Amino acid sequence: VGYRQLNLYNQPNTSGLDLGIQGILVLSPRSADLKLSHTFTDPGGNNETSITSLSTSYAITRNWRLGSSIQWRRSPVRNDSRVGFVLEWAL
């Protein structure tokens, strides 16, 4: 539960209550996981927008993790998607 404002170029802005749910599947403790989340911004409003995200991560070593993310956004004025990859180092 939160507040979100989405600004799209040449499109009406969407802002308001942000409701969501997230599930995490731990494939191997401290090494691999899979996350799925879904949120609704301004639920029931004229510009209701939903975002679905699927991400994975895997520990290559104790300090290095490799991950990826896919995200789909749907709204009355625009639908889009994006893909990302990350290499992260932690102490």
PDB file of N, CA and C in Angstrom:
ATOM      1  N   VAL A   1       0.859  -1.172   0.000  1.00  0.00           N
ATOM      2  CA  VAL A   1       0.000   0.000   0.000  1.00  0.00           C
ATOM      3  C   VAL A   1       0.899   1.227   0.000  1.00  0.00           C
ATOM      4  N   GLY A   2       0.575   2.179  -0.847  1.00  0.00           N
ATOM      5  CA  GLY A   2       1.374   3.394  -0.916  1.00  0.00           C
ATOM      6  C   GLY A   2       0.732   4.402  -1.839  1.00  0.00           C
ATOM      7  N   TYR A   3       1.546   5.349  -2.303  1.00  0.00           N
ATOM      8  CA  TYR A   3       1.124   6.388  -3.229  1.00  0.00           C
ATOM      9  C   TYR A   3       2.101   6.377  -4.393  1.00  0.00           C
ATOM     10  N   ARG A   4       1.596   6.511  -5.614  1.00  0.00           N
ATOM     11  CA  ARG A   4       2.474   6.538  -6.784  1.00  0.00           C
ATOM     12  C   ARG A   4       1.968   7.583  -7.766  1.00  0.00           C
ATOM     13  N   GLN A   5       2.909   8.237  -8.455  1.00  0.00           N
ATOM     14  CA  GLN A   5       2.578   9.164  -9.523  1.00  0.00           C
ATOM     15  C   GLN A   5       3.346   8.732 -10.757  1.00  0.00           C
ATOM     16  N   LEU A   6       2.632   8.501 -11.850  1.00  0.00           N
ATOM     17  CA  LEU A   6       3.234   8.103 -13.114  1.00  0.00           C
ATOM     18  C   LEU A   6       3.075   9.247 -14.100  1.00  0.00           C
ATOM     19  N   ASN A   7       4.186   9.733 -14.637  1.00  0.00           N
ATOM     20  CA  ASN A   7       4.184  10.815 -15.614  1.00  0.00           C
ATOM     21  C   ASN A   7       4.626  10.252 -16.958  1.00  0.00           C
ATOM     22  N   LEU A   8       3.725  10.267 -17.919  1.00  0.00           N
ATOM     23  CA  LEU A   8       4.028   9.789 -19.260  1.00  0.00           C
ATOM     24  C   LEU A   8       4.075  10.972 -20.207  1.00  0.00           C
ATOM     25  N   TYR A   9       5.047  11.000 -21.084  1.00  0.00           N
ATOM     26  CA  TYR A   9       5.215  12.086 -22.044  1.00  0.00           C
ATOM     27  C   TYR A   9       3.972  12.212 -22.926  1.00  0.00           C
ATOM     28  N   ASN A  10       3.421  13.407 -23.012  1.00  0.00           N
ATOM     29  CA  ASN A  10       2.233  13.717 -23.823  1.00  0.00           C
ATOM     30  C   ASN A  10       1.011  12.878 -23.464  1.00  0.00           C
ATOM     31  N   GLN A  11       0.903  12.407 -22.241  1.00  0.00           N
ATOM     32  CA  GLN A  11      -0.232  11.610 -21.784  1.00  0.00           C
ATOM     33  C   GLN A  11      -0.694  12.167 -20.438  1.00  0.00           C
ATOM     34  N   PRO A  12      -1.949  11.901 -20.064  1.00  0.00           N
ATOM     35  CA  PRO A  12      -2.397  12.346 -18.741  1.00  0.00           C
ATOM     36  C   PRO A  12      -1.613  11.646 -17.630  1.00  0.00           C
ATOM     37  N   ASN A  13      -1.316  12.380 -16.576  1.00  0.00           N
ATOM     38  CA  ASN A  13      -0.624  11.797 -15.427  1.00  0.00           C
ATOM     39  C   ASN A  13      -1.590  10.919 -14.637  1.00  0.00           C
ATOM     40  N   THR A  14      -1.049   9.874 -14.043  1.00  0.00           N
ATOM     41  CA  THR A  14      -1.818   9.003 -13.172  1.00  0.00           C
ATOM     42  C   THR A  14      -1.194   9.070 -11.790  1.00  0.00           C
ATOM     43  N   SER A  15      -2.014   9.337 -10.795  1.00  0.00           N
ATOM     44  CA  SER A  15      -1.494   9.358  -9.436  1.00  0.00           C
ATOM     45  C   SER A  15      -2.597   8.933  -8.489  1.00  0.00           C
ATOM     46  N   GLY A  16      -2.178   8.433  -7.346  1.00  0.00           N
ATOM     47  CA  GLY A  16      -3.140   8.048  -6.335  1.00  0.00           C
ATOM     48  C   GLY A  16      -2.692   6.840  -5.555  1.00  0.00           C
ATOM     49  N   LEU A  17      -3.647   6.194  -4.933  1.00  0.00           N
ATOM     50  CA  LEU A  17      -3.403   5.018  -4.122  1.00  0.00           C
ATOM     51  C   LEU A  17      -2.736   3.931  -4.965  1.00  0.00           C
ATOM     52  N   ASP A  18      -1.746   3.266  -4.402  1.00  0.00           N
ATOM     53  CA  ASP A  18      -1.027   2.186  -5.080  1.00  0.00           C
ATOM     54  C   ASP A  18      -1.167   0.927  -4.228  1.00  0.00           C
ATOM     55  N   LEU A  19      -1.879  -0.066  -4.736  1.00  0.00           N
ATOM     56  CA  LEU A  19      -2.095  -1.328  -4.025  1.00  0.00           C
ATOM     57  C   LEU A  19      -1.373  -2.443  -4.760  1.00  0.00           C
ATOM     58  N   GLY A  20      -0.747  -3.335  -4.021  1.00  0.00           N
ATOM     59  CA  GLY A  20      -0.023  -4.398  -4.691  1.00  0.00           C
ATOM     60  C   GLY A  20       0.162  -5.628  -3.835  1.00  0.00           C
ATOM     61  N   ILE A  21       0.668  -6.659  -4.498  1.00  0.00           N
ATOM     62  CA  ILE A  21       0.968  -7.917  -3.835  1.00  0.00           C
ATOM     63  C   ILE A  21       2.277  -8.442  -4.418  1.00  0.00           C
ATOM     64  N   GLN A  22       3.058  -9.126  -3.580  1.00  0.00           N
ATOM     65  CA  GLN A  22       4.350  -9.657  -4.027  1.00  0.00           C
ATOM     66  C   GLN A  22       4.531 -11.055  -3.455  1.00  0.00           C
ATOM     67  N   GLY A  23       5.033 -11.939  -4.292  1.00  0.00           N
ATOM     68  CA  GLY A  23       5.359 -13.286  -3.859  1.00  0.00           C
ATOM     69  C   GLY A  23       6.819 -13.572  -4.150  1.00  0.00           C
ATOM     70  N   ILE A  24       7.480 -14.265  -3.246  1.00  0.00           N
ATOM     71  CA  ILE A  24       8.895 -14.602  -3.416  1.00  0.00           C
ATOM     72  C   ILE A  24       9.050 -16.103  -3.251  1.00  0.00           C
ATOM     73  N   LEU A  25       9.687 -16.721  -4.230  1.00  0.00           N
ATOM     74  CA  LEU A  25       9.989 -18.142  -4.170  1.00  0.00           C
ATOM     75  C   LEU A  25      11.496 -18.287  -4.006  1.00  0.00           C
ATOM     76  N   VAL A  26      11.914 -18.800  -2.868  1.00  0.00           N
ATOM     77  CA  VAL A  26      13.341 -18.991  -2.596  1.00  0.00           C
ATOM     78  C   VAL A  26      13.730 -20.355  -3.162  1.00  0.00           C
ATOM     79  N   LEU A  27      14.502 -20.334  -4.233  1.00  0.00           N
ATOM     80  CA  LEU A  27      14.899 -21.568  -4.891  1.00  0.00           C
ATOM     81  C   LEU A  27      16.033 -22.259  -4.153  1.00  0.00           C
ATOM     82  N   SER A  28      16.904 -21.452  -3.556  1.00  0.00           N
ATOM     83  CA  SER A  28      18.016 -21.970  -2.769  1.00  0.00           C
ATOM     84  C   SER A  28      18.415 -20.878  -1.781  1.00  0.00           C
ATOM     85  N   PRO A  29      18.380 -21.148  -0.484  1.00  0.00           N
ATOM     86  CA  PRO A  29      18.706 -20.107   0.496  1.00  0.00           C
ATOM     87  C   PRO A  29      20.055 -19.438   0.218  1.00  0.00           C
ATOM     88  N   ARG A  30      20.061 -18.107   0.261  1.00  0.00           N
ATOM     89  CA  ARG A  30      21.239 -17.260   0.046  1.00  0.00           C
ATOM     90  C   ARG A  30      21.849 -17.364  -1.352  1.00  0.00           C
ATOM     91  N   SER A  31      21.154 -18.023  -2.321  1.00  0.00           N
ATOM     92  CA  SER A  31      21.774 -18.085  -3.641  1.00  0.00           C
ATOM     93  C   SER A  31      20.829 -17.773  -4.796  1.00  0.00           C
ATOM     94  N   ALA A  32      19.559 -18.173  -4.760  1.00  0.00           N
ATOM     95  CA  ALA A  32      18.677 -17.930  -5.899  1.00  0.00           C
ATOM     96  C   ALA A  32      17.253 -17.666  -5.434  1.00  0.00           C
ATOM     97  N   ASP A  33      16.585 -16.717  -6.122  1.00  0.00           N
ATOM     98  CA  ASP A  33      15.192 -16.458  -5.814  1.00  0.00           C
ATOM     99  C   ASP A  33      14.455 -15.961  -7.048  1.00  0.00           C
ATOM    100  N   LEU A  34      13.135 -16.023  -6.964  1.00  0.00           N
ATOM    101  CA  LEU A  34      12.245 -15.598  -8.027  1.00  0.00           C
ATOM    102  C   LEU A  34      11.156 -14.753  -7.375  1.00  0.00           C
ATOM    103  N   LYS A  35      10.911 -13.534  -7.911  1.00  0.00           N
ATOM    104  CA  LYS A  35       9.919 -12.621  -7.330  1.00  0.00           C
ATOM    105  C   LYS A  35       8.891 -12.247  -8.389  1.00  0.00           C
ATOM    106  N   LEU A  36       7.629 -12.216  -7.990  1.00  0.00           N
ATOM    107  CA  LEU A  36       6.538 -11.793  -8.856  1.00  0.00           C
ATOM    108  C   LEU A  36       5.713 -10.772  -8.083  1.00  0.00           C
ATOM    109  N   SER A  37       5.450  -9.620  -8.694  1.00  0.00           N
ATOM    110  CA  SER A  37       4.637  -8.608  -8.030  1.00  0.00           C
ATOM    111  C   SER A  37       3.651  -8.001  -9.021  1.00  0.00           C
ATOM    112  N   HIS A  38       2.557  -7.494  -8.481  1.00  0.00           N
ATOM    113  CA  HIS A  38       1.540  -6.842  -9.303  1.00  0.00           C
ATOM    114  C   HIS A  38       0.976  -5.680  -8.499  1.00  0.00           C
ATOM    115  N   THR A  39       0.922  -4.491  -9.105  1.00  0.00           N
ATOM    116  CA  THR A  39       0.378  -3.309  -8.426  1.00  0.00           C
ATOM    117  C   THR A  39      -0.677  -2.634  -9.289  1.00  0.00           C
ATOM    118  N   PHE A  40      -1.600  -1.946  -8.622  1.00  0.00           N
ATOM    119  CA  PHE A  40      -2.603  -1.114  -9.271  1.00  0.00           C
ATOM    120  C   PHE A  40      -2.442   0.294  -8.741  1.00  0.00           C
ATOM    121  N   THR A  41      -2.309   1.265  -9.628  1.00  0.00           N
ATOM    122  CA  THR A  41      -2.257   2.675  -9.248  1.00  0.00           C
ATOM    123  C   THR A  41      -3.591   3.305  -9.612  1.00  0.00           C
ATOM    124  N   ASP A  42      -4.199   4.024  -8.695  1.00  0.00           N
ATOM    125  CA  ASP A  42      -5.513   4.641  -8.846  1.00  0.00           C
ATOM    126  C   ASP A  42      -6.569   3.596  -9.193  1.00  0.00           C
ATOM    127  N   PRO A  43      -6.686   2.527  -8.366  1.00  0.00           N
ATOM    128  CA  PRO A  43      -7.644   1.469  -8.687  1.00  0.00           C
ATOM    129  C   PRO A  43      -9.074   1.995  -8.770  1.00  0.00           C
ATOM    130  N   GLY A  44      -9.772   1.604  -9.835  1.00  0.00           N
ATOM    131  CA  GLY A  44     -11.144   2.047 -10.043  1.00  0.00           C
ATOM    132  C   GLY A  44     -11.266   3.405 -10.692  1.00  0.00           C
ATOM    133  N   GLY A  45     -10.148   4.123 -10.856  1.00  0.00           N
ATOM    134  CA  GLY A  45     -10.168   5.445 -11.475  1.00  0.00           C
ATOM    135  C   GLY A  45     -10.147   5.373 -12.995  1.00  0.00           C
ATOM    136  N   ASN A  46     -10.303   6.516 -13.641  1.00  0.00           N
ATOM    137  CA  ASN A  46     -10.292   6.587 -15.104  1.00  0.00           C
ATOM    138  C   ASN A  46      -8.953   6.207 -15.706  1.00  0.00           C
ATOM    139  N   ASN A  47      -7.869   6.477 -14.993  1.00  0.00           N
ATOM    140  CA  ASN A  47      -6.525   6.184 -15.501  1.00  0.00           C
ATOM    141  C   ASN A  47      -5.863   5.040 -14.739  1.00  0.00           C
ATOM    142  N   GLU A  48      -6.650   4.082 -14.264  1.00  0.00           N
ATOM    143  CA  GLU A  48      -6.078   2.960 -13.514  1.00  0.00           C
ATOM    144  C   GLU A  48      -4.942   2.319 -14.319  1.00  0.00           C
ATOM    145  N   THR A  49      -3.809   2.142 -13.657  1.00  0.00           N
ATOM    146  CA  THR A  49      -2.622   1.573 -14.287  1.00  0.00           C
ATOM    147  C   THR A  49      -2.164   0.381 -13.471  1.00  0.00           C
ATOM    148  N   SER A  50      -1.814  -0.702 -14.164  1.00  0.00           N
ATOM    149  CA  SER A  50      -1.295  -1.865 -13.450  1.00  0.00           C
ATOM    150  C   SER A  50       0.109  -2.178 -13.951  1.00  0.00           C
ATOM    151  N   ILE A  51       0.952  -2.628 -13.027  1.00  0.00           N
ATOM    152  CA  ILE A  51       2.332  -2.988 -13.350  1.00  0.00           C
ATOM    153  C   ILE A  51       2.599  -4.384 -12.793  1.00  0.00           C
ATOM    154  N   THR A  52       3.064  -5.275 -13.656  1.00  0.00           N
ATOM    155  CA  THR A  52       3.441  -6.626 -13.270  1.00  0.00           C
ATOM    156  C   THR A  52       4.942  -6.758 -13.445  1.00  0.00           C
ATOM    157  N   SER A  53       5.636  -7.266 -12.435  1.00  0.00           N
ATOM    158  CA  SER A  53       7.096  -7.422 -12.492  1.00  0.00           C
ATOM    159  C   SER A  53       7.473  -8.856 -12.141  1.00  0.00           C
ATOM    160  N   LEU A  54       8.411  -9.389 -12.896  1.00  0.00           N
ATOM    161  CA  LEU A  54       8.978 -10.708 -12.630  1.00  0.00           C
ATOM    162  C   LEU A  54      10.487 -10.538 -12.595  1.00  0.00           C
ATOM    163  N   SER A  55      11.122 -10.926 -11.485  1.00  0.00           N
ATOM    164  CA  SER A  55      12.572 -10.770 -11.380  1.00  0.00           C
ATOM    165  C   SER A  55      13.199 -12.020 -10.786  1.00  0.00           C
ATOM    166  N   THR A  56      14.436 -12.234 -11.165  1.00  0.00           N
ATOM    167  CA  THR A  56      15.209 -13.365 -10.658  1.00  0.00           C
ATOM    168  C   THR A  56      16.571 -12.862 -10.222  1.00  0.00           C
ATOM    169  N   SER A  57      17.191 -13.576  -9.312  1.00  0.00           N
ATOM    170  CA  SER A  57      18.576 -13.257  -8.949  1.00  0.00           C
ATOM    171  C   SER A  57      19.273 -14.543  -8.529  1.00  0.00           C
ATOM    172  N   TYR A  58      20.571 -14.554  -8.744  1.00  0.00           N
ATOM    173  CA  TYR A  58      21.376 -15.730  -8.442  1.00  0.00           C
ATOM    174  C   TYR A  58      22.724 -15.270  -7.890  1.00  0.00           C
ATOM    175  N   ALA A  59      23.162 -15.848  -6.790  1.00  0.00           N
ATOM    176  CA  ALA A  59      24.455 -15.501  -6.200  1.00  0.00           C
ATOM    177  C   ALA A  59      25.550 -16.268  -6.927  1.00  0.00           C
ATOM    178  N   ILE A  60      26.407 -15.522  -7.610  1.00  0.00           N
ATOM    179  CA  ILE A  60      27.536 -16.133  -8.315  1.00  0.00           C
ATOM    180  C   ILE A  60      28.615 -16.518  -7.303  1.00  0.00           C
ATOM    181  N   THR A  61      28.902 -15.592  -6.393  1.00  0.00           N
ATOM    182  CA  THR A  61      29.832 -15.834  -5.294  1.00  0.00           C
ATOM    183  C   THR A  61      29.188 -15.251  -4.034  1.00  0.00           C
ATOM    184  N   ARG A  62      29.913 -15.241  -2.950  1.00  0.00           N
ATOM    185  CA  ARG A  62      29.400 -14.678  -1.693  1.00  0.00           C
ATOM    186  C   ARG A  62      29.069 -13.196  -1.831  1.00  0.00           C
ATOM    187  N   ASN A  63      29.817 -12.466  -2.653  1.00  0.00           N
ATOM    188  CA  ASN A  63      29.634 -11.017  -2.773  1.00  0.00           C
ATOM    189  C   ASN A  63      28.972 -10.577  -4.081  1.00  0.00           C
ATOM    190  N   TRP A  64      28.886 -11.406  -5.088  1.00  0.00           N
ATOM    191  CA  TRP A  64      28.364 -11.015  -6.390  1.00  0.00           C
ATOM    192  C   TRP A  64      27.041 -11.719  -6.689  1.00  0.00           C
ATOM    193  N   ARG A  65      26.053 -10.920  -7.168  1.00  0.00           N
ATOM    194  CA  ARG A  65      24.753 -11.460  -7.588  1.00  0.00           C
ATOM    195  C   ARG A  65      24.459 -11.005  -9.015  1.00  0.00           C
ATOM    196  N   LEU A  66      23.849 -11.891  -9.768  1.00  0.00           N
ATOM    197  CA  LEU A  66      23.418 -11.605 -11.131  1.00  0.00           C
ATOM    198  C   LEU A  66      21.904 -11.679 -11.147  1.00  0.00           C
ATOM    199  N   GLY A  67      21.250 -10.694 -11.755  1.00  0.00           N
ATOM    200  CA  GLY A  67      19.796 -10.676 -11.745  1.00  0.00           C
ATOM    201  C   GLY A  67      19.211 -10.151 -13.043  1.00  0.00           C
ATOM    202  N   SER A  68      17.919 -10.392 -13.218  1.00  0.00           N
ATOM    203  CA  SER A  68      17.190  -9.869 -14.371  1.00  0.00           C
ATOM    204  C   SER A  68      15.780  -9.503 -13.929  1.00  0.00           C
ATOM    205  N   SER A  69      15.148  -8.635 -14.713  1.00  0.00           N
ATOM    206  CA  SER A  69      13.809  -8.177 -14.388  1.00  0.00           C
ATOM    207  C   SER A  69      13.038  -7.911 -15.671  1.00  0.00           C
ATOM    208  N   ILE A  70      11.778  -8.308 -15.690  1.00  0.00           N
ATOM    209  CA  ILE A  70      10.863  -8.013 -16.791  1.00  0.00           C
ATOM    210  C   ILE A  70       9.667  -7.311 -16.176  1.00  0.00           C
ATOM    211  N   GLN A  71       9.219  -6.230 -16.819  1.00  0.00           N
ATOM    212  CA  GLN A  71       8.098  -5.471 -16.264  1.00  0.00           C
ATOM    213  C   GLN A  71       7.120  -5.117 -17.386  1.00  0.00           C
ATOM    214  N   TRP A  72       5.821  -5.303 -17.106  1.00  0.00           N
ATOM    215  CA  TRP A  72       4.761  -4.951 -18.040  1.00  0.00           C
ATOM    216  C   TRP A  72       3.881  -3.898 -17.385  1.00  0.00           C
ATOM    217  N   ARG A  73       3.584  -2.813 -18.126  1.00  0.00           N
ATOM    218  CA  ARG A  73       2.712  -1.758 -17.605  1.00  0.00           C
ATOM    219  C   ARG A  73       1.522  -1.606 -18.549  1.00  0.00           C
ATOM    220  N   ARG A  74       0.319  -1.582 -17.973  1.00  0.00           N
ATOM    221  CA  ARG A  74      -0.894  -1.432 -18.747  1.00  0.00           C
ATOM    222  C   ARG A  74      -1.718  -0.273 -18.188  1.00  0.00           C
ATOM    223  N   SER A  75      -2.186   0.590 -19.090  1.00  0.00           N
ATOM    224  CA  SER A  75      -3.045   1.705 -18.702  1.00  0.00           C
ATOM    225  C   SER A  75      -3.998   1.989 -19.859  1.00  0.00           C
ATOM    226  N   PRO A  76      -5.018   2.824 -19.636  1.00  0.00           N
ATOM    227  CA  PRO A  76      -5.956   3.136 -20.720  1.00  0.00           C
ATOM    228  C   PRO A  76      -5.302   3.857 -21.897  1.00  0.00           C
ATOM    229  N   VAL A  77      -4.190   4.544 -21.661  1.00  0.00           N
ATOM    230  CA  VAL A  77      -3.566   5.332 -22.733  1.00  0.00           C
ATOM    231  C   VAL A  77      -2.291   4.713 -23.293  1.00  0.00           C
ATOM    232  N   ARG A  78      -1.690   3.755 -22.576  1.00  0.00           N
ATOM    233  CA  ARG A  78      -0.405   3.229 -23.055  1.00  0.00           C
ATOM    234  C   ARG A  78      -0.077   1.887 -22.392  1.00  0.00           C
ATOM    235  N   ASN A  79       0.455   0.976 -23.196  1.00  0.00           N
ATOM    236  CA  ASN A  79       0.970  -0.301 -22.695  1.00  0.00           C
ATOM    237  C   ASN A  79       2.430  -0.389 -23.098  1.00  0.00           C
ATOM    238  N   ASP A  80       3.280  -0.822 -22.189  1.00  0.00           N
ATOM    239  CA  ASP A  80       4.689  -0.978 -22.546  1.00  0.00           C
ATOM    240  C   ASP A  80       5.331  -2.044 -21.666  1.00  0.00           C
ATOM    241  N   SER A  81       6.559  -2.367 -21.987  1.00  0.00           N
ATOM    242  CA  SER A  81       7.307  -3.353 -21.209  1.00  0.00           C
ATOM    243  C   SER A  81       8.772  -2.962 -21.207  1.00  0.00           C
ATOM    244  N   ARG A  82       9.514  -3.554 -20.279  1.00  0.00           N
ATOM    245  CA  ARG A  82      10.948  -3.303 -20.222  1.00  0.00           C
ATOM    246  C   ARG A  82      11.645  -4.521 -19.638  1.00  0.00           C
ATOM    247  N   VAL A  83      12.911  -4.648 -19.973  1.00  0.00           N
ATOM    248  CA  VAL A  83      13.740  -5.748 -19.501  1.00  0.00           C
ATOM    249  C   VAL A  83      15.020  -5.145 -18.962  1.00  0.00           C
ATOM    250  N   GLY A  84      15.520  -5.667 -17.847  1.00  0.00           N
ATOM    251  CA  GLY A  84      16.762  -5.157 -17.268  1.00  0.00           C
ATOM    252  C   GLY A  84      17.607  -6.292 -16.717  1.00  0.00           C
ATOM    253  N   PHE A  85      18.913  -6.032 -16.651  1.00  0.00           N
ATOM    254  CA  PHE A  85      19.863  -6.976 -16.089  1.00  0.00           C
ATOM    255  C   PHE A  85      20.733  -6.238 -15.093  1.00  0.00           C
ATOM    256  N   VAL A  86      21.167  -6.918 -14.039  1.00  0.00           N
ATOM    257  CA  VAL A  86      21.968  -6.266 -13.017  1.00  0.00           C
ATOM    258  C   VAL A  86      23.063  -7.210 -12.531  1.00  0.00           C
ATOM    259  N   LEU A  87      24.219  -6.634 -12.293  1.00  0.00           N
ATOM    260  CA  LEU A  87      25.326  -7.331 -11.641  1.00  0.00           C
ATOM    261  C   LEU A  87      25.625  -6.515 -10.396  1.00  0.00           C
ATOM    262  N   GLU A  88      25.495  -7.105  -9.224  1.00  0.00           N
ATOM    263  CA  GLU A  88      25.561  -6.354  -7.977  1.00  0.00           C
ATOM    264  C   GLU A  88      26.629  -6.939  -7.057  1.00  0.00           C
ATOM    265  N   TRP A  89      27.324  -6.039  -6.381  1.00  0.00           N
ATOM    266  CA  TRP A  89      28.346  -6.433  -5.423  1.00  0.00           C
ATOM    267  C   TRP A  89      27.929  -5.938  -4.049  1.00  0.00           C
ATOM    268  N   ALA A  90      28.020  -6.787  -3.038  1.00  0.00           N
ATOM    269  CA  ALA A  90      27.653  -6.410  -1.677  1.00  0.00           C
ATOM    270  C   ALA A  90      28.744  -6.849  -0.705  1.00  0.00           C
ATOM    271  N   LEU A  91      28.877  -6.099   0.367  1.00  0.00           N
ATOM    272  CA  LEU A  91      29.858  -6.455   1.394  1.00  0.00           C
ATOM    273  C   LEU A  91      29.433  -7.653   2.184  1.00  0.00           C
TER     274      LEU A  91
END
